Amino acid sequence: MTLAAILIFVASMMLSCGKSSSGRTVVTFWQFWTNPEVKPIVQQMIGEFEKTHPQVKVQLGDLTWADGHEKIAIALAAGGGPDVIELGSDWISEFAASGKLSDLTAATQGLADSLLMWDPAIYQGKRYAVPWMLGTRILFCNRTLLTQAGYDETFVPKTWIELAEAAAKISRLGDNRFGFGSNSAERHRLYKKYLPFFWSAGGEVFNSNMTATQFNSDAGRKSLEYYLRLSANGLVETQARIEDYFAAGKIGFVISGEWLVKKLSRMERSFDYFVTTMPSPGGKKPGVSFAGGEYLVVSSASKNPDMAMELIRFLVQSQNDTMFARATGSFTPVNIQSTMTYDAELTPIAKVFQQQLRNSRSTPVHPAWVSLEEALERGIEQALYKKKSPDDALQTIDNDCAAILKKYATQ
């Protein structure tokens, strides 16, 4: 979307703030759930909130992950924007540091013990967001292709070597079959597939005082070379295309989330699959995966901050959280009191997601993370397409990140 179109969207949504023609208080809420399975549930919850708060009108604004960050940034920079905003977990510190988010530390005291994964919501010791939806990534494995490649029905890749060797054997089957689904440089996605290997190799993104990144390190080289090894026996494509190939029985392994389970459960498949936690270098314990989610924040410019917070509390109540998790297909509800039940096929899958979430990490809390992730993805892409050696790519990443961090430090 062009900048002009974004400005028109932002202006039109900002005009709706304040009071409605009926005198009701208008609380604007920008969110990303636009698909036909989830948005009606969001609308249903909003309708229930309005019934219990007849003096309030909640106005929804729909965002997309392609340009939602830009729309939010423009609206907040203009000193307005919606009252409540859904943010990706790695965006919170950016907007908190700029003073555009309300400090919710006191307002969330009653929620602190009932919701999971608060770390991304905390910046400089204060809570600026409320967890709304959590997710992690696990390894999806095509059992049929593994059997054709000579593995027995009990094989589960636990080590990096086992996964790489199995991917290579599947790739050698030919006939447009691939061992591994490797992410291309798709915004907000590639780094989520690389960092788990980096973390599992013992890597830490920042030094102790967060003044420099540490990708040009033993952990960086080990993990990038391993990702390149998997990619050499795989299909390098967008996440959607990789998942389409897996659903067609053409890829041995993909790293994905709950949405792929939903997709596979709704189609007739010519293959069997199973899921497992991320492999680790040695296999003695599960590998680390990426954990992220969607969080709800209140704009510091909101004219109705108390009612905005009241809406957030309503959305994360256990009954609403359960309904929302079912709609989104999440196996990791945010409210610890939410009760989820699954059928015989989904129960073991849910357990894998829940186990992996306990062995997952979210991105470091830094206001410049969105820019840093772009530098990371750009460097991985250069190595992936052999434009640079792994060592040169990692050094480039650290150099580019150093420039970003220096610029941020002087702002």
Protein backbone atom coordinates (compact mmCIF):
# COMPACT_ATOMS: atom_id res chain seq x y z
CA MET A 1 0.00 0.00 0.00
CA THR A 2 1.27 3.48 -0.86
CA LEU A 3 2.01 6.10 1.77
CA ALA A 4 -0.90 8.20 0.47
CA ALA A 5 -3.31 5.31 0.92
CA ILE A 6 -2.02 4.67 4.43
CA LEU A 7 -2.49 8.34 5.32
CA ILE A 8 -6.08 8.27 4.02
CA PHE A 9 -6.78 5.14 6.11
CA VAL A 10 -5.28 6.66 9.23
CA ALA A 11 -7.13 9.96 8.77
CA SER A 12 -10.47 8.24 8.25
CA MET A 13 -10.05 6.10 11.35
CA MET A 14 -8.89 8.98 13.54
CA LEU A 15 -12.00 10.98 12.70
CA SER A 16 -14.08 8.36 14.48
CA CYS A 17 -12.57 8.97 17.94
CA GLY A 18 -14.50 10.57 20.81
CA LYS A 19 -18.29 10.56 20.94
CA SER A 20 -20.75 9.01 18.50
CA SER A 21 -23.82 10.84 17.20
CA SER A 22 -25.88 8.99 19.82
CA GLY A 23 -23.70 10.34 22.60
CA ARG A 24 -22.05 7.00 23.33
CA THR A 25 -18.33 6.93 24.08
CA VAL A 26 -16.44 5.57 21.06
CA VAL A 27 -13.48 3.29 21.75
CA THR A 28 -11.51 2.56 18.60
CA PHE A 29 -9.75 -0.78 18.31
CA TRP A 30 -7.34 -1.66 15.49
CA GLN A 31 -6.71 -5.37 15.04
CA PHE A 32 -5.32 -7.86 12.51
CA TRP A 33 -7.88 -10.70 12.57
CA THR A 34 -9.66 -10.18 9.25
CA ASN A 35 -10.11 -13.78 8.08
CA PRO A 36 -13.72 -15.05 7.96
CA GLU A 37 -13.17 -17.63 10.70
CA VAL A 38 -11.81 -15.32 13.37
CA LYS A 39 -13.19 -11.84 12.74
CA PRO A 40 -16.80 -12.88 13.51
CA ILE A 41 -15.59 -14.12 16.90
CA VAL A 42 -13.87 -10.79 17.55
CA GLN A 43 -17.08 -9.01 16.52
CA GLN A 44 -19.10 -11.31 18.79
CA MET A 45 -16.89 -10.49 21.77
CA ILE A 46 -17.17 -6.78 20.97
CA GLY A 47 -20.96 -7.12 20.81
CA GLU A 48 -21.03 -8.77 24.23
CA PHE A 49 -18.84 -5.99 25.62
CA GLU A 50 -21.19 -3.34 24.26
CA LYS A 51 -24.18 -5.13 25.84
CA THR A 52 -22.56 -4.91 29.26
CA HIS A 53 -21.36 -1.36 28.56
CA PRO A 54 -24.34 0.26 26.77
CA GLN A 55 -22.73 3.70 26.96
CA VAL A 56 -19.82 2.49 24.81
CA LYS A 57 -19.46 1.93 21.06
CA VAL A 58 -16.39 -0.03 19.94
CA GLN A 59 -15.26 0.76 16.41
CA LEU A 60 -13.04 -1.85 14.76
CA GLY A 61 -10.31 -0.98 12.30
CA ASP A 62 -8.74 -3.81 10.29
CA LEU A 63 -4.98 -4.04 9.74
CA THR A 64 -2.77 -6.37 7.70
CA TRP A 65 0.70 -7.62 8.56
CA ALA A 66 1.95 -6.23 5.24
CA ASP A 67 1.46 -2.58 6.19
CA GLY A 68 -0.06 -2.57 9.67
CA HIS A 69 3.14 -1.44 11.34
CA GLU A 70 3.36 1.61 9.07
CA LYS A 71 -0.30 2.54 9.68
CA ILE A 72 0.13 2.31 13.42
CA ALA A 73 3.38 4.30 13.36
CA ILE A 74 1.84 7.09 11.29
CA ALA A 75 -1.26 7.30 13.47
CA LEU A 76 0.69 7.41 16.73
CA ALA A 77 3.22 9.89 15.35
CA ALA A 78 0.33 12.19 14.45
CA GLY A 79 -0.62 12.29 18.10
CA GLY A 80 -3.80 10.32 17.73
CA GLY A 81 -4.71 6.89 16.49
CA PRO A 82 -6.95 4.27 18.06
CA ASP A 83 -7.52 3.75 21.76
CA VAL A 84 -6.64 0.03 21.70
CA ILE A 85 -4.16 -1.49 19.25
CA GLU A 86 -3.10 -5.05 18.58
CA LEU A 87 0.69 -5.18 18.25
CA GLY A 88 3.10 -7.93 17.36
CA SER A 89 5.17 -8.88 20.40
CA ASP A 90 8.36 -7.47 18.86
CA TRP A 91 6.84 -4.02 18.22
CA ILE A 92 5.93 -3.13 21.79
CA SER A 93 9.26 -1.70 22.95
CA GLU A 94 9.56 0.45 19.81
CA PHE A 95 6.33 2.31 20.52
CA ALA A 96 6.82 2.28 24.30
CA ALA A 97 10.22 3.96 23.93
CA SER A 98 8.71 6.71 21.80
CA GLY A 99 6.19 7.53 24.53
CA LYS A 100 3.22 6.54 22.39
CA LEU A 101 1.88 3.80 24.69
CA SER A 102 0.23 4.11 28.08
CA ASP A 103 2.00 2.63 31.06
CA LEU A 104 -0.29 -0.23 32.11
CA THR A 105 1.73 -1.41 35.10
CA ALA A 106 -0.86 -0.41 37.69
CA ALA A 107 -3.84 -1.25 35.49
CA THR A 108 -2.62 -4.83 34.94
CA GLN A 109 -1.92 -5.75 38.55
CA GLY A 110 -4.99 -7.96 38.63
CA LEU A 111 -4.01 -9.72 35.40
CA ALA A 112 -0.35 -10.41 36.07
CA ASP A 113 -0.82 -13.88 37.56
CA SER A 114 -3.51 -15.12 35.16
CA LEU A 115 -1.86 -14.47 31.77
CA LEU A 116 1.22 -16.04 30.20
CA MET A 117 4.31 -14.54 28.57
CA TRP A 118 4.59 -11.02 29.90
CA ASP A 119 8.26 -10.53 28.98
CA PRO A 120 7.68 -8.86 25.57
CA ALA A 121 5.23 -6.46 27.24
CA ILE A 122 7.82 -5.07 29.65
CA TYR A 123 10.09 -2.18 28.74
CA GLN A 124 12.43 -0.60 31.28
CA GLY A 125 10.58 -2.29 34.11
CA LYS A 126 7.09 -1.15 33.14
CA ARG A 127 4.24 -3.11 31.50
CA TYR A 128 2.95 -1.50 28.34
CA ALA A 129 0.88 -4.34 26.85
CA VAL A 130 -1.39 -7.26 27.69
CA PRO A 131 -0.90 -10.69 26.06
CA TRP A 132 -3.84 -11.62 23.82
CA MET A 133 -2.68 -14.53 21.68
CA LEU A 134 0.46 -16.67 21.93
CA GLY A 135 2.15 -18.98 19.48
CA THR A 136 5.28 -20.97 18.89
CA ARG A 137 6.73 -22.99 15.99
CA ILE A 138 7.27 -26.74 15.85
CA LEU A 139 8.57 -29.22 13.27
CA PHE A 140 6.03 -30.82 10.91
CA CYS A 141 7.26 -34.12 9.45
CA ASN A 142 5.94 -36.11 6.47
CA ARG A 143 5.89 -39.74 7.66
CA THR A 144 5.13 -41.10 4.19
CA LEU A 145 8.19 -39.48 2.61
CA LEU A 146 10.34 -40.66 5.49
CA THR A 147 9.16 -44.22 4.91
CA GLN A 148 9.96 -43.92 1.21
CA ALA A 149 13.40 -42.66 2.16
CA GLY A 150 14.04 -45.80 4.23
CA TYR A 151 13.11 -44.76 7.76
CA ASP A 152 10.92 -46.91 10.01
CA GLU A 153 7.67 -45.66 11.52
CA THR A 154 9.26 -44.84 14.88
CA PHE A 155 11.81 -42.35 13.56
CA VAL A 156 11.61 -38.85 15.02
CA PRO A 157 14.47 -36.40 14.33
CA LYS A 158 15.86 -35.23 17.65
CA THR A 159 19.28 -33.96 16.59
CA TRP A 160 20.42 -31.54 13.93
CA ILE A 161 22.31 -34.31 12.17
CA GLU A 162 19.26 -36.59 12.09
CA LEU A 163 17.11 -33.84 10.59
CA ALA A 164 19.70 -32.84 7.98
CA GLU A 165 20.36 -36.44 6.91
CA ALA A 166 16.65 -37.21 6.63
CA ALA A 167 16.06 -34.05 4.59
CA ALA A 168 18.87 -35.04 2.22
CA LYS A 169 17.48 -38.55 1.74
CA ILE A 170 14.00 -37.22 0.98
CA SER A 171 15.46 -34.72 -1.47
CA ARG A 172 17.18 -37.56 -3.31
CA LEU A 173 13.80 -39.18 -3.95
CA GLY A 174 13.35 -36.68 -6.76
CA ASP A 175 10.03 -36.21 -8.53
CA ASN A 176 9.64 -32.63 -7.28
CA ARG A 177 10.02 -33.66 -3.64
CA PHE A 178 12.06 -31.62 -1.19
CA GLY A 179 13.61 -32.39 2.14
CA PHE A 180 13.05 -29.10 3.92
CA GLY A 181 10.91 -25.98 3.56
CA SER A 182 13.30 -23.04 3.75
CA ASN A 183 11.98 -19.52 4.14
CA SER A 184 12.94 -16.90 1.62
CA ALA A 185 13.50 -13.30 2.71
CA GLU A 186 9.87 -12.72 3.61
CA ARG A 187 9.37 -9.82 5.97
CA HIS A 188 8.81 -10.70 9.65
CA ARG A 189 9.25 -14.44 8.92
CA LEU A 190 12.79 -15.48 7.99
CA TYR A 191 14.36 -14.39 11.27
CA LYS A 192 11.82 -16.50 13.18
CA LYS A 193 13.15 -19.61 11.43
CA TYR A 194 16.83 -18.78 11.87
CA LEU A 195 16.88 -17.58 15.49
CA PRO A 196 15.75 -20.96 16.94
CA PHE A 197 18.88 -22.58 15.49
CA PHE A 198 21.00 -19.66 16.71
CA TRP A 199 19.58 -19.90 20.23
CA SER A 200 19.85 -23.71 20.25
CA ALA A 201 23.55 -23.34 19.40
CA GLY A 202 23.98 -21.15 22.49
CA GLY A 203 23.80 -17.79 20.75
CA GLU A 204 22.67 -14.52 22.30
CA VAL A 205 21.55 -11.71 20.03
CA PHE A 206 23.08 -8.89 22.11
CA ASN A 207 26.12 -8.42 24.28
CA SER A 208 25.53 -7.83 27.99
CA ASN A 209 24.67 -4.13 27.71
CA MET A 210 22.75 -4.45 24.40
CA THR A 211 25.13 -2.17 22.52
CA ALA A 212 26.10 -4.70 19.84
CA THR A 213 24.76 -7.86 18.20
CA GLN A 214 26.71 -11.11 18.23
CA PHE A 215 25.83 -12.98 15.06
CA ASN A 216 29.44 -13.15 13.85
CA SER A 217 30.21 -15.77 16.49
CA ASP A 218 30.63 -19.52 16.81
CA ALA A 219 26.89 -19.89 17.44
CA GLY A 220 26.12 -17.66 14.48
CA ARG A 221 28.34 -19.61 12.10
CA LYS A 222 27.15 -22.99 13.34
CA SER A 223 23.48 -22.09 13.03
CA LEU A 224 23.74 -20.30 9.67
CA GLU A 225 25.78 -23.08 8.10
CA TYR A 226 23.22 -25.56 9.38
CA TYR A 227 20.31 -23.54 7.97
CA LEU A 228 22.10 -23.39 4.63
CA ARG A 229 22.65 -27.16 4.76
CA LEU A 230 18.93 -27.74 5.25
CA SER A 231 18.10 -25.24 2.52
CA ALA A 232 20.43 -27.00 0.05
CA ASN A 233 18.10 -29.99 0.30
CA GLY A 234 14.94 -27.96 0.35
CA LEU A 235 12.59 -25.58 -1.35
CA VAL A 236 13.31 -21.89 -0.73
CA GLU A 237 9.99 -20.11 -0.88
CA THR A 238 7.51 -18.00 1.06
CA GLN A 239 5.88 -19.49 4.12
CA ALA A 240 2.55 -19.91 2.31
CA ARG A 241 4.15 -21.71 -0.62
CA ILE A 242 6.18 -23.97 1.66
CA GLU A 243 3.03 -24.95 3.53
CA ASP A 244 1.17 -25.57 0.25
CA TYR A 245 3.93 -27.95 -0.82
CA PHE A 246 3.84 -29.72 2.53
CA ALA A 247 0.05 -30.05 2.31
CA ALA A 248 0.53 -31.60 -1.14
CA GLY A 249 2.92 -34.18 0.29
CA LYS A 250 5.98 -32.75 -1.47
CA ILE A 251 8.13 -31.60 1.47
CA GLY A 252 9.59 -33.70 4.25
CA PHE A 253 9.94 -31.07 6.99
CA VAL A 254 8.60 -27.58 7.61
CA ILE A 255 8.72 -25.33 10.65
CA SER A 256 5.28 -23.86 11.22
CA GLY A 257 2.52 -23.05 13.67
CA GLU A 258 -1.02 -23.98 14.64
CA TRP A 259 -2.51 -22.62 11.43
CA LEU A 260 -0.94 -25.44 9.46
CA VAL A 261 -2.62 -28.01 11.70
CA LYS A 262 -5.97 -26.44 10.89
CA LYS A 263 -5.21 -26.46 7.18
CA LEU A 264 -4.16 -30.12 7.18
CA SER A 265 -7.15 -31.23 9.23
CA ARG A 266 -9.55 -29.81 6.66
CA MET A 267 -8.20 -31.54 3.61
CA GLU A 268 -7.95 -35.05 2.32
CA ARG A 269 -4.31 -36.03 2.41
CA SER A 270 -2.46 -38.72 0.52
CA PHE A 271 0.23 -38.88 3.23
CA ASP A 272 0.65 -39.23 6.99
CA TYR A 273 2.40 -36.62 9.08
CA PHE A 274 3.45 -36.06 12.66
CA VAL A 275 4.79 -33.15 14.68
CA THR A 276 7.66 -32.88 17.12
CA THR A 277 9.58 -30.29 19.06
CA MET A 278 12.51 -28.55 17.42
CA PRO A 279 15.66 -30.70 17.25
CA SER A 280 18.77 -29.60 19.10
CA PRO A 281 22.47 -30.01 18.24
CA GLY A 282 22.92 -32.89 20.68
CA GLY A 283 19.36 -34.15 20.99
CA LYS A 284 19.42 -34.49 24.79
CA LYS A 285 16.68 -31.88 25.14
CA PRO A 286 14.31 -30.12 22.75
CA GLY A 287 15.74 -27.33 20.68
CA VAL A 288 14.69 -23.75 21.31
CA SER A 289 11.92 -22.31 19.16
CA PHE A 290 10.54 -18.86 18.52
CA ALA A 291 7.64 -17.65 20.64
CA GLY A 292 5.62 -14.64 19.76
CA GLY A 293 2.13 -13.36 19.93
CA GLU A 294 -0.28 -10.52 19.63
CA TYR A 295 -0.57 -8.02 22.46
CA LEU A 296 -3.07 -5.30 23.26
CA VAL A 297 -1.90 -1.78 24.10
CA VAL A 298 -3.51 1.56 24.88
CA SER A 299 -2.39 4.69 23.06
CA SER A 300 -0.98 7.37 25.34
CA ALA A 301 -3.15 9.83 23.39
CA SER A 302 -6.37 7.93 24.15
CA LYS A 303 -9.17 10.10 25.47
CA ASN A 304 -10.75 7.05 27.07
CA PRO A 305 -7.87 5.08 28.62
CA ASP A 306 -9.93 3.57 31.44
CA MET A 307 -12.58 2.23 29.08
CA ALA A 308 -9.87 1.04 26.69
CA MET A 309 -8.35 -0.98 29.52
CA GLU A 310 -11.79 -2.27 30.45
CA LEU A 311 -12.15 -3.62 26.91
CA ILE A 312 -8.76 -5.33 27.12
CA ARG A 313 -9.66 -6.98 30.43
CA PHE A 314 -12.87 -8.26 28.87
CA LEU A 315 -11.12 -9.73 25.83
CA VAL A 316 -8.66 -11.77 27.91
CA GLN A 317 -11.21 -13.21 30.32
CA SER A 318 -10.97 -17.00 30.33
CA GLN A 319 -14.27 -17.62 28.52
CA ASN A 320 -13.37 -15.15 25.79
CA ASP A 321 -9.79 -16.39 25.61
CA THR A 322 -11.07 -19.96 25.16
CA MET A 323 -13.43 -18.90 22.39
CA PHE A 324 -10.70 -16.86 20.70
CA ALA A 325 -8.14 -19.68 20.93
CA ARG A 326 -10.60 -22.11 19.33
CA ALA A 327 -11.29 -19.69 16.49
CA THR A 328 -7.62 -19.05 15.78
CA GLY A 329 -6.67 -22.70 16.21
CA SER A 330 -4.26 -21.90 19.03
CA PHE A 331 -3.10 -24.71 21.30
CA THR A 332 -1.55 -22.24 23.75
CA PRO A 333 -4.28 -19.99 25.21
CA VAL A 334 -3.01 -16.93 27.03
CA ASN A 335 -5.18 -17.21 30.15
CA ILE A 336 -4.06 -20.01 32.46
CA GLN A 337 -7.69 -20.56 33.51
CA SER A 338 -8.84 -21.22 29.94
CA THR A 339 -10.03 -24.79 29.43
CA MET A 340 -9.30 -26.35 26.06
CA THR A 341 -10.27 -29.85 24.98
CA TYR A 342 -9.19 -31.63 21.79
CA ASP A 343 -10.13 -34.78 19.94
CA ALA A 344 -7.91 -37.87 19.80
CA GLU A 345 -6.03 -36.64 16.72
CA LEU A 346 -5.32 -33.15 18.04
CA THR A 347 -4.49 -33.99 21.67
CA PRO A 348 -0.90 -35.18 21.00
CA ILE A 349 -0.35 -32.24 18.65
CA ALA A 350 -1.52 -29.81 21.33
CA LYS A 351 0.89 -31.37 23.82
CA VAL A 352 3.82 -30.83 21.44
CA PHE A 353 2.93 -27.15 21.05
CA GLN A 354 2.57 -26.72 24.79
CA GLN A 355 5.88 -28.49 25.43
CA GLN A 356 7.63 -26.37 22.81
CA LEU A 357 6.24 -23.15 24.26
CA ARG A 358 8.10 -23.99 27.48
CA ASN A 359 11.28 -24.24 25.40
CA SER A 360 10.79 -21.09 23.33
CA ARG A 361 12.09 -17.55 23.36
CA SER A 362 10.71 -14.27 22.09
CA THR A 363 12.84 -11.67 20.40
CA PRO A 364 14.94 -9.36 22.60
CA VAL A 365 13.11 -6.32 23.90
CA HIS A 366 14.71 -3.41 22.05
CA PRO A 367 13.04 -0.35 20.49
CA ALA A 368 15.00 -0.78 17.25
CA TRP A 369 14.16 -4.46 16.81
CA VAL A 370 12.09 -4.04 13.62
CA SER A 371 15.10 -2.43 11.91
CA LEU A 372 17.48 -5.00 13.38
CA GLU A 373 15.39 -7.89 12.13
CA GLU A 374 15.48 -6.44 8.61
CA ALA A 375 19.29 -6.37 8.76
CA LEU A 376 19.32 -9.96 10.03
CA GLU A 377 17.00 -11.20 7.30
CA ARG A 378 18.94 -9.33 4.62
CA GLY A 379 22.20 -10.97 5.69
CA ILE A 380 20.69 -14.47 5.83
CA GLU A 381 19.25 -13.94 2.36
CA GLN A 382 22.70 -12.96 1.03
CA ALA A 383 24.11 -16.24 2.34
CA LEU A 384 21.09 -18.23 1.21
CA TYR A 385 21.48 -17.07 -2.39
CA LYS A 386 25.30 -17.33 -2.20
CA LYS A 387 25.88 -13.63 -2.65
CA LYS A 388 28.11 -13.75 0.41
CA SER A 389 29.89 -16.44 2.39
CA PRO A 390 28.40 -17.26 5.79
CA ASP A 391 31.22 -15.43 7.58
CA ASP A 392 30.85 -12.33 5.41
CA ALA A 393 27.07 -12.38 5.79
CA LEU A 394 27.30 -12.59 9.57
CA GLN A 395 29.82 -9.76 9.72
CA THR A 396 27.58 -7.67 7.48
CA ILE A 397 24.65 -8.31 9.81
CA ASP A 398 26.63 -7.15 12.83
CA ASN A 399 27.94 -4.10 10.95
CA ASP A 400 24.46 -3.11 9.77
CA CYS A 401 23.06 -3.65 13.26
CA ALA A 402 25.87 -1.55 14.75
CA ALA A 403 24.84 1.37 12.53
CA ILE A 404 21.21 0.98 13.61
CA LEU A 405 22.11 0.80 17.28
CA LYS A 406 24.41 3.83 17.00
CA LYS A 407 21.69 5.84 15.31
CA TYR A 408 19.18 4.82 17.96
CA ALA A 409 21.60 5.72 20.78
CA THR A 410 21.99 9.27 19.42
CA GLN A 411 18.30 9.93 18.97
